[in-house]
Amino acid sequence: MKDKKKICVVFTHHKLGDLIWQIPYIEAISNHFNQKINLVVREKTQAKEILKDCKFINDIHYNNFRKKIFYFYEIFKLWKYYKSQNFSHIFFLDKVNRGPIAAKLANIPVRIGFGFKNQKRWLTDKNLNIEHVKKNQSEQSRLLLETNNIKINNLIPNINVNNNRLIDINPDITKYKGSKICMAVDSFELYKMWYEEYFAELANRIHQEKFCDFFYLISAPHNNHIVEKIIQLSKRNIFINCSNLNLMGIIKVIKDSKFMIGNNTGPVSLASALNVKSYALIANTPVSELKYSRIIPILPDDYVNDFLKKREEMSKLSVDKVYDFIFKK
C-alpha cells in the first residue's frame, strides 16, 4: 500500500490578480496527485470567498506573512499549521523563505519551490535555474511544474462562483434597470492608472451612443475619491459607485455587466477568470504578462513592451483609441 499523500500549496503575495494567475498551477498540482489540495494565502486575497466553489481545493488557511519583528512568529505559525496537517508535499509558488523554513523544521518530506537565492537551502526537489529569476510570476510557476514533470492542462485562469451565493449580497447594487459596463478605475500602482478625465469622457461617449445605460465604477475603498472625481467630471447620472463593495459584491456587479474595461489590475483579471469579456488599458507595462489569459489588451500606437512606470505614459492611450478598439473593430 502506497503512503497516503497530503498536498499543500503556499502563495504569499497579497494582490488578487497575482493569486488569480496562479489558479491553473494550483489546479495542475491537484490533478497531478488526483486529490484536493490545501492552500495557504494571505487573508487580504479573500480566497475563502472567491475560491469556495473550486473543486480542487480542500481547505484554505490564512497566513499574513508579516515581516520585520513578526518574521520568526510567522515561521512558528506556519510550522504549527504544517505539523497539524501532516503534509507529505508542499509547493511554494514564490521566492519567499518563511514557508520553506517552517516546512523543513516541520520535517515535511517533499518541499518544492523556485529555489532562488537562500530559498534553495530549504527545498528538497528540482527548482528553477537562476536565469528564470527575471521571468514573471506566472511563467516561473509554469516552469517549476514542468521541471517537476507536472502536466498543466490549461494555462488560462478560471473561477467558478455559484450565483446563489450572490443573491443576498448588496441587493440594491443591481437594482438599476438597463445594461451596464464595469470600469476598474484604480490600481495599487499609480503608474498603471488611466486618467480620471479619460474614463469620464469614454463613459459619456459610450452612453451617448446608447451602447449601455450605466457604469459600475470599481475601486478600493480608500480610492473612492477617484470614483467621485470621474462622476464629477462626467456630469451625468450614469454611474454606480462600487468602491464600498467587498470582493463578492465586486463579483456580483462584474457578472451583471456586458463587459469589463479598466486598468491592468486585479478586477480585470478577476472578470476574465469569471469568463466576462475584459479589456485592459496598457501603456507602460509588458503586455506579454497577459499571454495566458482571455484579457484583451488595448495599447497605444507607439507601445513599448516594457516597464516604464510613469503614469504620464498612460496619456498616450487616447479615448478615441479605446472607443474605436471596442466599438469599431
C-alpha atoms as a PDB file:
ATOM      1  CA  MET A   1       0.000   0.000   0.000  1.00  0.00           C
ATOM      2  CA  LYS A   2       1.388   3.368  -1.032  1.00  0.00           C
ATOM      3  CA  ASP A   3       1.899   6.067   1.560  1.00  0.00           C
ATOM      4  CA  LYS A   4      -1.019   8.458   1.643  1.00  0.00           C
ATOM      5  CA  LYS A   5      -0.157  11.885   0.251  1.00  0.00           C
ATOM      6  CA  LYS A   6      -1.447  15.205   1.535  1.00  0.00           C
ATOM      7  CA  ILE A   7      -0.626  18.242  -0.576  1.00  0.00           C
ATOM      8  CA  CYS A   8      -0.265  21.920   0.313  1.00  0.00           C
ATOM      9  CA  VAL A   9       0.345  24.930  -1.935  1.00  0.00           C
ATOM     10  CA  VAL A  10       1.683  28.176  -0.453  1.00  0.00           C
ATOM     11  CA  PHE A  11       1.418  31.588  -2.146  1.00  0.00           C
ATOM     12  CA  THR A  12       2.421  34.693  -0.208  1.00  0.00           C
ATOM     13  CA  HIS A  13       1.507  37.648  -2.439  1.00  0.00           C
ATOM     14  CA  HIS A  14      -1.389  39.826  -1.309  1.00  0.00           C
ATOM     15  CA  LYS A  15      -2.716  41.067  -4.653  1.00  0.00           C
ATOM     16  CA  LEU A  16      -5.866  39.484  -6.032  1.00  0.00           C
ATOM     17  CA  GLY A  17      -4.572  39.467  -9.614  1.00  0.00           C
ATOM     18  CA  ASP A  18      -1.390  37.641  -8.604  1.00  0.00           C
ATOM     19  CA  LEU A  19      -3.411  34.875  -6.942  1.00  0.00           C
ATOM     20  CA  ILE A  20      -5.701  34.539  -9.966  1.00  0.00           C
ATOM     21  CA  TRP A  21      -2.686  33.967 -12.235  1.00  0.00           C
ATOM     22  CA  GLN A  22      -1.681  31.022 -10.018  1.00  0.00           C
ATOM     23  CA  ILE A  23      -5.006  29.173 -10.270  1.00  0.00           C
ATOM     24  CA  PRO A  24      -4.015  26.998 -13.283  1.00  0.00           C
ATOM     25  CA  TYR A  25      -0.894  25.820 -11.468  1.00  0.00           C
ATOM     26  CA  ILE A  26      -2.710  25.101  -8.208  1.00  0.00           C
ATOM     27  CA  GLU A  27      -5.259  23.062 -10.148  1.00  0.00           C
ATOM     28  CA  ALA A  28      -2.483  21.261 -12.058  1.00  0.00           C
ATOM     29  CA  ILE A  29      -0.866  20.176  -8.766  1.00  0.00           C
ATOM     30  CA  SER A  30      -4.239  18.853  -7.590  1.00  0.00           C
ATOM     31  CA  ASN A  31      -4.731  16.942 -10.850  1.00  0.00           C
ATOM     32  CA  HIS A  32      -1.210  15.504 -10.701  1.00  0.00           C
ATOM     33  CA  PHE A  33      -1.860  13.892  -7.308  1.00  0.00           C
ATOM     34  CA  ASN A  34      -5.523  13.199  -8.098  1.00  0.00           C
ATOM     35  CA  GLN A  35      -6.708  14.828  -4.893  1.00  0.00           C
ATOM     36  CA  LYS A  36      -7.741  18.177  -3.467  1.00  0.00           C
ATOM     37  CA  ILE A  37      -5.035  20.439  -2.071  1.00  0.00           C
ATOM     38  CA  ASN A  38      -4.783  22.733   0.951  1.00  0.00           C
ATOM     39  CA  LEU A  39      -3.976  26.351   0.067  1.00  0.00           C
ATOM     40  CA  VAL A  40      -2.096  28.842   2.254  1.00  0.00           C
ATOM     41  CA  VAL A  41      -2.563  32.500   1.235  1.00  0.00           C
ATOM     42  CA  ARG A  42      -2.899  35.934   2.778  1.00  0.00           C
ATOM     43  CA  GLU A  43      -6.264  36.928   4.222  1.00  0.00           C
ATOM     44  CA  LYS A  44      -6.251  40.065   2.064  1.00  0.00           C
ATOM     45  CA  THR A  45      -6.856  37.902  -1.028  1.00  0.00           C
ATOM     46  CA  GLN A  46     -10.298  36.876   0.327  1.00  0.00           C
ATOM     47  CA  ALA A  47      -9.600  33.478  -1.206  1.00  0.00           C
ATOM     48  CA  LYS A  48     -12.047  31.690   1.115  1.00  0.00           C
ATOM     49  CA  GLU A  49     -14.833  33.559  -0.644  1.00  0.00           C
ATOM     50  CA  ILE A  50     -13.749  33.677  -4.275  1.00  0.00           C
ATOM     51  CA  LEU A  51     -12.345  30.119  -4.400  1.00  0.00           C
ATOM     52  CA  LYS A  52     -15.036  28.483  -2.267  1.00  0.00           C
ATOM     53  CA  ASP A  53     -16.589  26.706  -5.268  1.00  0.00           C
ATOM     54  CA  CYS A  54     -13.279  25.445  -6.710  1.00  0.00           C
ATOM     55  CA  LYS A  55     -13.485  21.661  -6.683  1.00  0.00           C
ATOM     56  CA  PHE A  56      -9.725  21.120  -6.487  1.00  0.00           C
ATOM     57  CA  ILE A  57      -9.291  22.903  -3.116  1.00  0.00           C
ATOM     58  CA  ASN A  58      -9.857  21.073   0.154  1.00  0.00           C
ATOM     59  CA  ASP A  59      -9.187  23.897   2.608  1.00  0.00           C
ATOM     60  CA  ILE A  60      -7.841  27.459   2.624  1.00  0.00           C
ATOM     61  CA  HIS A  61      -5.654  28.619   5.501  1.00  0.00           C
ATOM     62  CA  TYR A  62      -4.864  32.303   6.012  1.00  0.00           C
ATOM     63  CA  ASN A  63      -1.366  33.429   6.976  1.00  0.00           C
ATOM     64  CA  ASN A  64      -0.376  37.078   6.580  1.00  0.00           C
ATOM     65  CA  PHE A  65       3.406  36.640   6.085  1.00  0.00           C
ATOM     66  CA  ARG A  66       4.343  39.737   8.037  1.00  0.00           C
ATOM     67  CA  LYS A  67       7.923  40.985   8.039  1.00  0.00           C
ATOM     68  CA  LYS A  68      10.450  42.576  10.413  1.00  0.00           C
ATOM     69  CA  ILE A  69       9.703  41.784  14.093  1.00  0.00           C
ATOM     70  CA  PHE A  70       6.981  39.306  13.052  1.00  0.00           C
ATOM     71  CA  TYR A  71       9.291  37.257  10.800  1.00  0.00           C
ATOM     72  CA  PHE A  72      10.023  34.444  13.277  1.00  0.00           C
ATOM     73  CA  TYR A  73       6.486  34.446  14.654  1.00  0.00           C
ATOM     74  CA  GLU A  74       5.173  33.858  11.126  1.00  0.00           C
ATOM     75  CA  ILE A  75       7.592  30.918  10.748  1.00  0.00           C
ATOM     76  CA  PHE A  76       6.302  29.498  14.038  1.00  0.00           C
ATOM     77  CA  LYS A  77       2.666  29.817  12.934  1.00  0.00           C
ATOM     78  CA  LEU A  78       3.391  28.072   9.644  1.00  0.00           C
ATOM     79  CA  TRP A  79       5.374  25.329  11.415  1.00  0.00           C
ATOM     80  CA  LYS A  80       2.426  24.738  13.743  1.00  0.00           C
ATOM     81  CA  TYR A  81      -0.022  24.540  10.838  1.00  0.00           C
ATOM     82  CA  TYR A  82       2.191  22.195   8.791  1.00  0.00           C
ATOM     83  CA  LYS A  83       2.660  19.868  11.780  1.00  0.00           C
ATOM     84  CA  SER A  84      -1.076  19.769  12.476  1.00  0.00           C
ATOM     85  CA  GLN A  85      -1.868  18.779   8.892  1.00  0.00           C
ATOM     86  CA  ASN A  86       0.923  16.223   8.411  1.00  0.00           C
ATOM     87  CA  PHE A  87       1.568  17.186   4.772  1.00  0.00           C
ATOM     88  CA  SER A  88       3.628  14.935   2.533  1.00  0.00           C
ATOM     89  CA  HIS A  89       4.290  17.592  -0.141  1.00  0.00           C
ATOM     90  CA  ILE A  90       4.384  21.400  -0.034  1.00  0.00           C
ATOM     91  CA  PHE A  91       4.721  23.611  -3.115  1.00  0.00           C
ATOM     92  CA  PHE A  92       5.898  27.226  -2.770  1.00  0.00           C
ATOM     93  CA  LEU A  93       4.847  29.295  -5.769  1.00  0.00           C
ATOM     94  CA  ASP A  94       7.100  32.260  -4.973  1.00  0.00           C
ATOM     95  CA  LYS A  95      10.595  33.027  -3.696  1.00  0.00           C
ATOM     96  CA  VAL A  96       9.797  33.807  -0.033  1.00  0.00           C
ATOM     97  CA  ASN A  97      11.797  31.890   2.620  1.00  0.00           C
ATOM     98  CA  ARG A  98       9.440  31.705   5.597  1.00  0.00           C
ATOM     99  CA  GLY A  99       7.259  28.913   4.234  1.00  0.00           C
ATOM    100  CA  PRO A 100      10.142  26.611   3.244  1.00  0.00           C
ATOM    101  CA  ILE A 101      11.989  27.216   6.544  1.00  0.00           C
ATOM    102  CA  ALA A 102       8.880  26.251   8.512  1.00  0.00           C
ATOM    103  CA  ALA A 103       8.348  23.210   6.286  1.00  0.00           C
ATOM    104  CA  LYS A 104      11.867  21.939   6.884  1.00  0.00           C
ATOM    105  CA  LEU A 105      11.517  22.451  10.638  1.00  0.00           C
ATOM    106  CA  ALA A 106       8.242  20.515  10.446  1.00  0.00           C
ATOM    107  CA  ASN A 107      10.024  17.661   8.622  1.00  0.00           C
ATOM    108  CA  ILE A 108       7.766  17.792   5.568  1.00  0.00           C
ATOM    109  CA  PRO A 109       9.298  15.144   3.263  1.00  0.00           C
ATOM    110  CA  VAL A 110       8.881  16.918  -0.108  1.00  0.00           C
ATOM    111  CA  ARG A 111       9.382  20.692  -0.370  1.00  0.00           C
ATOM    112  CA  ILE A 112       9.263  22.174  -3.880  1.00  0.00           C
ATOM    113  CA  GLY A 113       9.778  25.850  -4.761  1.00  0.00           C
ATOM    114  CA  PHE A 114      11.521  28.301  -7.061  1.00  0.00           C
ATOM    115  CA  GLY A 115      14.811  27.944  -5.171  1.00  0.00           C
ATOM    116  CA  PHE A 116      16.163  31.428  -5.853  1.00  0.00           C
ATOM    117  CA  LYS A 117      18.975  32.576  -3.548  1.00  0.00           C
ATOM    118  CA  ASN A 118      18.653  31.287   0.041  1.00  0.00           C
ATOM    119  CA  GLN A 119      15.299  29.571  -0.537  1.00  0.00           C
ATOM    120  CA  LYS A 120      17.162  26.705  -2.200  1.00  0.00           C
ATOM    121  CA  ARG A 121      18.615  25.638   1.155  1.00  0.00           C
ATOM    122  CA  TRP A 122      15.193  24.649   2.491  1.00  0.00           C
ATOM    123  CA  LEU A 123      13.910  22.659  -0.516  1.00  0.00           C
ATOM    124  CA  THR A 124      14.224  19.017  -1.496  1.00  0.00           C
ATOM    125  CA  ASP A 125      13.341  18.607  -5.178  1.00  0.00           C
ATOM    126  CA  LYS A 126      14.128  20.231  -8.515  1.00  0.00           C
ATOM    127  CA  ASN A 127      13.914  24.019  -8.601  1.00  0.00           C
ATOM    128  CA  LEU A 128      14.425  26.767 -11.159  1.00  0.00           C
ATOM    129  CA  ASN A 129      17.658  27.997 -12.678  1.00  0.00           C
ATOM    130  CA  ILE A 130      18.926  31.475 -11.805  1.00  0.00           C
ATOM    131  CA  GLU A 131      18.215  32.713 -15.355  1.00  0.00           C
ATOM    132  CA  HIS A 132      14.499  32.293 -14.621  1.00  0.00           C
ATOM    133  CA  VAL A 133      14.557  34.927 -11.869  1.00  0.00           C
ATOM    134  CA  LYS A 134      13.623  37.746 -14.279  1.00  0.00           C
ATOM    135  CA  LYS A 135      10.548  35.993 -15.649  1.00  0.00           C
ATOM    136  CA  ASN A 136       7.122  36.943 -14.317  1.00  0.00           C
ATOM    137  CA  GLN A 137       5.460  35.002 -11.506  1.00  0.00           C
ATOM    138  CA  SER A 138       3.141  33.021 -13.770  1.00  0.00           C
ATOM    139  CA  GLU A 139       5.990  31.913 -16.037  1.00  0.00           C
ATOM    140  CA  GLN A 140       8.057  30.881 -13.024  1.00  0.00           C
ATOM    141  CA  SER A 141       5.245  28.704 -11.677  1.00  0.00           C
ATOM    142  CA  ARG A 142       4.754  27.099 -15.069  1.00  0.00           C
ATOM    143  CA  LEU A 143       8.463  26.323 -15.357  1.00  0.00           C
ATOM    144  CA  LEU A 144       8.578  24.933 -11.812  1.00  0.00           C
ATOM    145  CA  LEU A 145       5.775  22.468 -12.520  1.00  0.00           C
ATOM    146  CA  GLU A 146       7.250  21.428 -15.868  1.00  0.00           C
ATOM    147  CA  THR A 147      10.659  20.933 -14.206  1.00  0.00           C
ATOM    148  CA  ASN A 148       8.989  18.552 -11.757  1.00  0.00           C
ATOM    149  CA  ASN A 149       7.056  16.704 -14.504  1.00  0.00           C
ATOM    150  CA  ILE A 150       3.644  18.060 -13.518  1.00  0.00           C
ATOM    151  CA  LYS A 151       1.348  18.442 -16.516  1.00  0.00           C
ATOM    152  CA  ILE A 152      -0.619  21.680 -16.902  1.00  0.00           C
ATOM    153  CA  ASN A 153      -3.803  21.032 -18.858  1.00  0.00           C
ATOM    154  CA  ASN A 154      -4.996  24.637 -19.079  1.00  0.00           C
ATOM    155  CA  LEU A 155      -2.954  27.817 -18.622  1.00  0.00           C
ATOM    156  CA  ILE A 156      -5.980  30.150 -18.576  1.00  0.00           C
ATOM    157  CA  PRO A 157      -7.257  31.098 -15.076  1.00  0.00           C
ATOM    158  CA  ASN A 158     -10.874  30.126 -14.440  1.00  0.00           C
ATOM    159  CA  ILE A 159     -13.009  30.788 -11.369  1.00  0.00           C
ATOM    160  CA  ASN A 160     -16.472  29.365 -10.752  1.00  0.00           C
ATOM    161  CA  VAL A 161     -18.711  31.248  -8.327  1.00  0.00           C
ATOM    162  CA  ASN A 162     -22.179  29.847  -7.634  1.00  0.00           C
ATOM    163  CA  ASN A 163     -24.724  32.562  -8.445  1.00  0.00           C
ATOM    164  CA  ASN A 164     -26.847  31.502  -5.480  1.00  0.00           C
ATOM    165  CA  ARG A 165     -24.145  32.868  -3.187  1.00  0.00           C
ATOM    166  CA  LEU A 166     -24.525  36.318  -4.771  1.00  0.00           C
ATOM    167  CA  ILE A 167     -28.284  36.821  -4.444  1.00  0.00           C
ATOM    168  CA  ASP A 168     -28.292  38.374  -0.968  1.00  0.00           C
ATOM    169  CA  ILE A 169     -25.064  40.368  -1.397  1.00  0.00           C
ATOM    170  CA  ASN A 170     -25.690  44.123  -1.794  1.00  0.00           C
ATOM    171  CA  PRO A 171     -29.162  43.565  -3.303  1.00  0.00           C
ATOM    172  CA  ASP A 172     -29.595  47.286  -4.095  1.00  0.00           C
ATOM    173  CA  ILE A 173     -26.467  47.489  -6.237  1.00  0.00           C
ATOM    174  CA  THR A 174     -28.063  45.740  -9.238  1.00  0.00           C
ATOM    175  CA  LYS A 175     -31.482  47.409  -8.972  1.00  0.00           C
ATOM    176  CA  TYR A 176     -30.771  49.840 -11.809  1.00  0.00           C
ATOM    177  CA  LYS A 177     -32.677  48.810 -14.921  1.00  0.00           C
ATOM    178  CA  GLY A 178     -30.744  48.651 -18.151  1.00  0.00           C
ATOM    179  CA  SER A 179     -27.405  47.391 -19.428  1.00  0.00           C
ATOM    180  CA  LYS A 180     -24.159  48.016 -17.548  1.00  0.00           C
ATOM    181  CA  ILE A 181     -20.437  48.090 -18.202  1.00  0.00           C
ATOM    182  CA  CYS A 182     -17.812  47.632 -15.464  1.00  0.00           C
ATOM    183  CA  MET A 183     -14.876  50.024 -15.184  1.00  0.00           C
ATOM    184  CA  ALA A 184     -11.908  49.196 -12.916  1.00  0.00           C
ATOM    185  CA  VAL A 185     -10.527  52.675 -12.294  1.00  0.00           C
ATOM    186  CA  ASP A 186      -7.767  52.389  -9.657  1.00  0.00           C
ATOM    187  CA  SER A 187      -4.609  50.372  -9.026  1.00  0.00           C
ATOM    188  CA  PHE A 188      -2.090  49.548  -6.292  1.00  0.00           C
ATOM    189  CA  GLU A 189       0.484  51.128  -8.612  1.00  0.00           C
ATOM    190  CA  LEU A 190      -0.356  54.711  -9.539  1.00  0.00           C
ATOM    191  CA  TYR A 191       1.581  54.478 -12.806  1.00  0.00           C
ATOM    192  CA  LYS A 192      -0.867  51.857 -14.164  1.00  0.00           C
ATOM    193  CA  MET A 193      -3.874  54.162 -13.866  1.00  0.00           C
ATOM    194  CA  TRP A 194      -5.610  55.714 -16.866  1.00  0.00           C
ATOM    195  CA  TYR A 195      -6.636  59.293 -16.126  1.00  0.00           C
ATOM    196  CA  GLU A 196      -9.989  60.036 -14.492  1.00  0.00           C
ATOM    197  CA  GLU A 197     -10.990  62.507 -17.199  1.00  0.00           C
ATOM    198  CA  TYR A 198     -10.412  59.797 -19.806  1.00  0.00           C
ATOM    199  CA  PHE A 199     -12.738  57.368 -18.006  1.00  0.00           C
ATOM    200  CA  ALA A 200     -15.377  60.116 -17.727  1.00  0.00           C
ATOM    201  CA  GLU A 201     -15.095  61.052 -21.408  1.00  0.00           C
ATOM    202  CA  LEU A 202     -15.200  57.405 -22.522  1.00  0.00           C
ATOM    203  CA  ALA A 203     -18.282  56.688 -20.405  1.00  0.00           C
ATOM    204  CA  ASN A 204     -20.091  59.770 -21.730  1.00  0.00           C
ATOM    205  CA  ARG A 205     -19.365  58.763 -25.297  1.00  0.00           C
ATOM    206  CA  ILE A 206     -20.479  55.156 -24.803  1.00  0.00           C
ATOM    207  CA  HIS A 207     -23.680  56.323 -23.108  1.00  0.00           C
ATOM    208  CA  GLN A 208     -24.357  58.953 -25.757  1.00  0.00           C
ATOM    209  CA  GLU A 209     -24.095  56.295 -28.458  1.00  0.00           C
ATOM    210  CA  LYS A 210     -26.530  54.141 -26.392  1.00  0.00           C
ATOM    211  CA  PHE A 211     -24.200  51.159 -26.016  1.00  0.00           C
ATOM    212  CA  CYS A 212     -25.131  50.926 -22.319  1.00  0.00           C
ATOM    213  CA  ASP A 213     -27.213  52.640 -19.646  1.00  0.00           C
ATOM    214  CA  PHE A 214     -24.991  52.590 -16.540  1.00  0.00           C
ATOM    215  CA  PHE A 215     -21.389  52.092 -15.472  1.00  0.00           C
ATOM    216  CA  TYR A 216     -20.207  50.222 -12.399  1.00  0.00           C
ATOM    217  CA  LEU A 217     -17.097  52.040 -11.124  1.00  0.00           C
ATOM    218  CA  ILE A 218     -14.841  49.670  -9.154  1.00  0.00           C
ATOM    219  CA  SER A 219     -12.067  50.801  -6.829  1.00  0.00           C
ATOM    220  CA  ALA A 220     -10.672  50.027  -3.393  1.00  0.00           C
ATOM    221  CA  PRO A 221     -12.492  51.890  -0.577  1.00  0.00           C
ATOM    222  CA  HIS A 222      -9.518  54.185   0.059  1.00  0.00           C
ATOM    223  CA  ASN A 223      -9.637  55.229  -3.610  1.00  0.00           C
ATOM    224  CA  ASN A 224     -13.255  56.356  -3.520  1.00  0.00           C
ATOM    225  CA  HIS A 225     -12.002  59.848  -4.418  1.00  0.00           C
ATOM    226  CA  ILE A 226     -11.043  58.505  -7.862  1.00  0.00           C
ATOM    227  CA  VAL A 227     -14.594  57.268  -8.433  1.00  0.00           C
ATOM    228  CA  GLU A 228     -16.069  60.534  -7.180  1.00  0.00           C
ATOM    229  CA  LYS A 229     -13.803  62.543  -9.480  1.00  0.00           C
ATOM    230  CA  ILE A 230     -14.921  60.551 -12.539  1.00  0.00           C
ATOM    231  CA  ILE A 231     -18.569  61.094 -11.611  1.00  0.00           C
ATOM    232  CA  GLN A 232     -17.952  64.819 -11.111  1.00  0.00           C
ATOM    233  CA  LEU A 233     -16.098  65.194 -14.408  1.00  0.00           C
ATOM    234  CA  SER A 234     -18.773  63.333 -16.363  1.00  0.00           C
ATOM    235  CA  LYS A 235     -21.681  65.458 -15.067  1.00  0.00           C
ATOM    236  CA  ARG A 236     -24.054  62.624 -15.954  1.00  0.00           C
ATOM    237  CA  ASN A 237     -26.148  60.450 -13.665  1.00  0.00           C
ATOM    238  CA  ILE A 238     -24.946  57.213 -15.226  1.00  0.00           C
ATOM    239  CA  PHE A 239     -22.575  55.798 -12.599  1.00  0.00           C
ATOM    240  CA  ILE A 240     -22.907  53.297  -9.757  1.00  0.00           C
ATOM    241  CA  ASN A 241     -20.198  53.774  -7.129  1.00  0.00           C
ATOM    242  CA  CYS A 242     -18.856  50.327  -6.159  1.00  0.00           C
ATOM    243  CA  SER A 243     -15.885  51.477  -4.075  1.00  0.00           C
ATOM    244  CA  ASN A 244     -17.545  50.261  -0.859  1.00  0.00           C
ATOM    245  CA  LEU A 245     -18.115  46.684  -2.056  1.00  0.00           C
ATOM    246  CA  ASN A 246     -16.242  43.665  -0.779  1.00  0.00           C
ATOM    247  CA  LEU A 247     -14.884  41.132  -3.243  1.00  0.00           C
ATOM    248  CA  MET A 248     -18.113  39.134  -3.510  1.00  0.00           C
ATOM    249  CA  GLY A 249     -20.011  42.353  -4.231  1.00  0.00           C
ATOM    250  CA  ILE A 250     -17.496  43.136  -6.971  1.00  0.00           C
ATOM    251  CA  ILE A 251     -18.002  39.665  -8.437  1.00  0.00           C
ATOM    252  CA  LYS A 252     -21.757  40.311  -8.433  1.00  0.00           C
ATOM    253  CA  VAL A 253     -21.500  43.528 -10.464  1.00  0.00           C
ATOM    254  CA  ILE A 254     -18.903  42.031 -12.819  1.00  0.00           C
ATOM    255  CA  LYS A 255     -21.261  39.173 -13.630  1.00  0.00           C
ATOM    256  CA  ASP A 256     -24.077  41.703 -14.138  1.00  0.00           C
ATOM    257  CA  SER A 257     -22.065  43.584 -16.802  1.00  0.00           C
ATOM    258  CA  LYS A 258     -21.796  43.380 -20.575  1.00  0.00           C
ATOM    259  CA  PHE A 259     -18.028  43.563 -20.261  1.00  0.00           C
ATOM    260  CA  MET A 260     -15.196  44.927 -18.128  1.00  0.00           C
ATOM    261  CA  ILE A 261     -12.753  47.664 -19.072  1.00  0.00           C
ATOM    262  CA  GLY A 262     -10.083  49.080 -16.821  1.00  0.00           C
ATOM    263  CA  ASN A 263      -6.527  49.387 -15.654  1.00  0.00           C
ATOM    264  CA  ASN A 264      -4.447  46.222 -15.839  1.00  0.00           C
ATOM    265  CA  THR A 265      -5.170  45.178 -12.247  1.00  0.00           C
ATOM    266  CA  GLY A 266      -6.932  42.546 -10.144  1.00  0.00           C
ATOM    267  CA  PRO A 267     -10.573  43.289 -11.037  1.00  0.00           C
ATOM    268  CA  VAL A 268      -9.840  42.937 -14.774  1.00  0.00           C
ATOM    269  CA  SER A 269      -8.052  39.630 -14.141  1.00  0.00           C
ATOM    270  CA  LEU A 270     -10.982  38.556 -11.954  1.00  0.00           C
ATOM    271  CA  ALA A 271     -13.532  39.408 -14.652  1.00  0.00           C
ATOM    272  CA  SER A 272     -11.575  37.443 -17.230  1.00  0.00           C
ATOM    273  CA  ALA A 273     -11.334  34.433 -14.889  1.00  0.00           C
ATOM    274  CA  LEU A 274     -15.121  34.664 -14.431  1.00  0.00           C
ATOM    275  CA  ASN A 275     -15.393  34.433 -18.240  1.00  0.00           C
ATOM    276  CA  VAL A 276     -16.660  38.016 -18.625  1.00  0.00           C
ATOM    277  CA  LYS A 277     -15.188  39.791 -21.649  1.00  0.00           C
ATOM    278  CA  SER A 278     -12.386  42.017 -20.343  1.00  0.00           C
ATOM    279  CA  TYR A 279     -10.310  44.844 -21.801  1.00  0.00           C
ATOM    280  CA  ALA A 280      -7.093  46.014 -20.108  1.00  0.00           C
ATOM    281  CA  LEU A 281      -5.718  49.521 -20.672  1.00  0.00           C
ATOM    282  CA  ILE A 282      -1.952  49.129 -21.009  1.00  0.00           C
ATOM    283  CA  ALA A 283       0.686  51.697 -21.922  1.00  0.00           C
ATOM    284  CA  ASN A 284       3.650  51.207 -19.569  1.00  0.00           C
ATOM    285  CA  THR A 285       3.746  47.529 -18.519  1.00  0.00           C
ATOM    286  CA  PRO A 286       4.565  44.380 -20.528  1.00  0.00           C
ATOM    287  CA  VAL A 287       1.540  43.081 -22.410  1.00  0.00           C
ATOM    288  CA  SER A 288       3.369  39.757 -22.544  1.00  0.00           C
ATOM    289  CA  GLU A 289       2.140  39.202 -18.967  1.00  0.00           C
ATOM    290  CA  LEU A 290      -1.319  38.544 -20.423  1.00  0.00           C
ATOM    291  CA  LYS A 291      -0.051  35.657 -22.549  1.00  0.00           C
ATOM    292  CA  TYR A 292      -2.073  33.065 -20.631  1.00  0.00           C
ATOM    293  CA  SER A 293      -5.397  34.849 -20.246  1.00  0.00           C
ATOM    294  CA  ARG A 294      -8.551  35.895 -22.081  1.00  0.00           C
ATOM    295  CA  ILE A 295      -7.876  39.571 -21.303  1.00  0.00           C
ATOM    296  CA  ILE A 296      -7.897  41.754 -24.420  1.00  0.00           C
ATOM    297  CA  PRO A 297      -5.196  44.454 -24.218  1.00  0.00           C
ATOM    298  CA  ILE A 298      -5.749  47.942 -25.626  1.00  0.00           C
ATOM    299  CA  LEU A 299      -2.417  49.619 -26.418  1.00  0.00           C
ATOM    300  CA  PRO A 300      -1.195  52.982 -27.719  1.00  0.00           C
ATOM    301  CA  ASP A 301       0.058  53.068 -31.297  1.00  0.00           C
ATOM    302  CA  ASP A 302       3.647  53.640 -30.126  1.00  0.00           C
ATOM    303  CA  TYR A 303       3.503  50.987 -27.381  1.00  0.00           C
ATOM    304  CA  VAL A 304       6.772  49.593 -25.958  1.00  0.00           C
ATOM    305  CA  ASN A 305       6.564  46.138 -24.315  1.00  0.00           C
ATOM    306  CA  ASP A 306       8.431  47.079 -21.122  1.00  0.00           C
ATOM    307  CA  PHE A 307       8.078  48.555 -17.624  1.00  0.00           C
ATOM    308  CA  LEU A 308       8.192  52.343 -17.930  1.00  0.00           C
ATOM    309  CA  LYS A 309       6.476  53.051 -14.570  1.00  0.00           C
ATOM    310  CA  LYS A 310       5.406  56.617 -15.326  1.00  0.00           C
ATOM    311  CA  ARG A 311       1.727  57.476 -15.230  1.00  0.00           C
ATOM    312  CA  GLU A 312       2.290  60.034 -17.970  1.00  0.00           C
ATOM    313  CA  GLU A 313       2.728  57.091 -20.355  1.00  0.00           C
ATOM    314  CA  MET A 314      -0.971  56.245 -19.861  1.00  0.00           C
ATOM    315  CA  SER A 315      -1.904  59.523 -21.558  1.00  0.00           C
ATOM    316  CA  LYS A 316      -0.609  58.022 -24.820  1.00  0.00           C
ATOM    317  CA  LEU A 317      -3.681  55.776 -24.816  1.00  0.00           C
ATOM    318  CA  SER A 318      -6.377  58.131 -26.086  1.00  0.00           C
ATOM    319  CA  VAL A 319     -10.116  57.912 -25.532  1.00  0.00           C
ATOM    320  CA  ASP A 320     -10.586  57.698 -29.307  1.00  0.00           C
ATOM    321  CA  LYS A 321      -8.263  54.702 -29.492  1.00  0.00           C
ATOM    322  CA  VAL A 322     -10.067  52.865 -26.696  1.00  0.00           C
ATOM    323  CA  TYR A 323     -13.536  53.646 -28.022  1.00  0.00           C
ATOM    324  CA  ASP A 324     -12.701  52.673 -31.586  1.00  0.00           C
ATOM    325  CA  PHE A 325     -10.960  49.463 -30.473  1.00  0.00           C
ATOM    326  CA  ILE A 326     -14.052  48.264 -28.605  1.00  0.00           C
ATOM    327  CA  PHE A 327     -16.872  49.502 -30.799  1.00  0.00           C
ATOM    328  CA  LYS A 328     -15.438  49.951 -34.320  1.00  0.00           C
ATOM    329  CA  LYS A 329     -13.330  46.848 -34.837  1.00  0.00           C
END
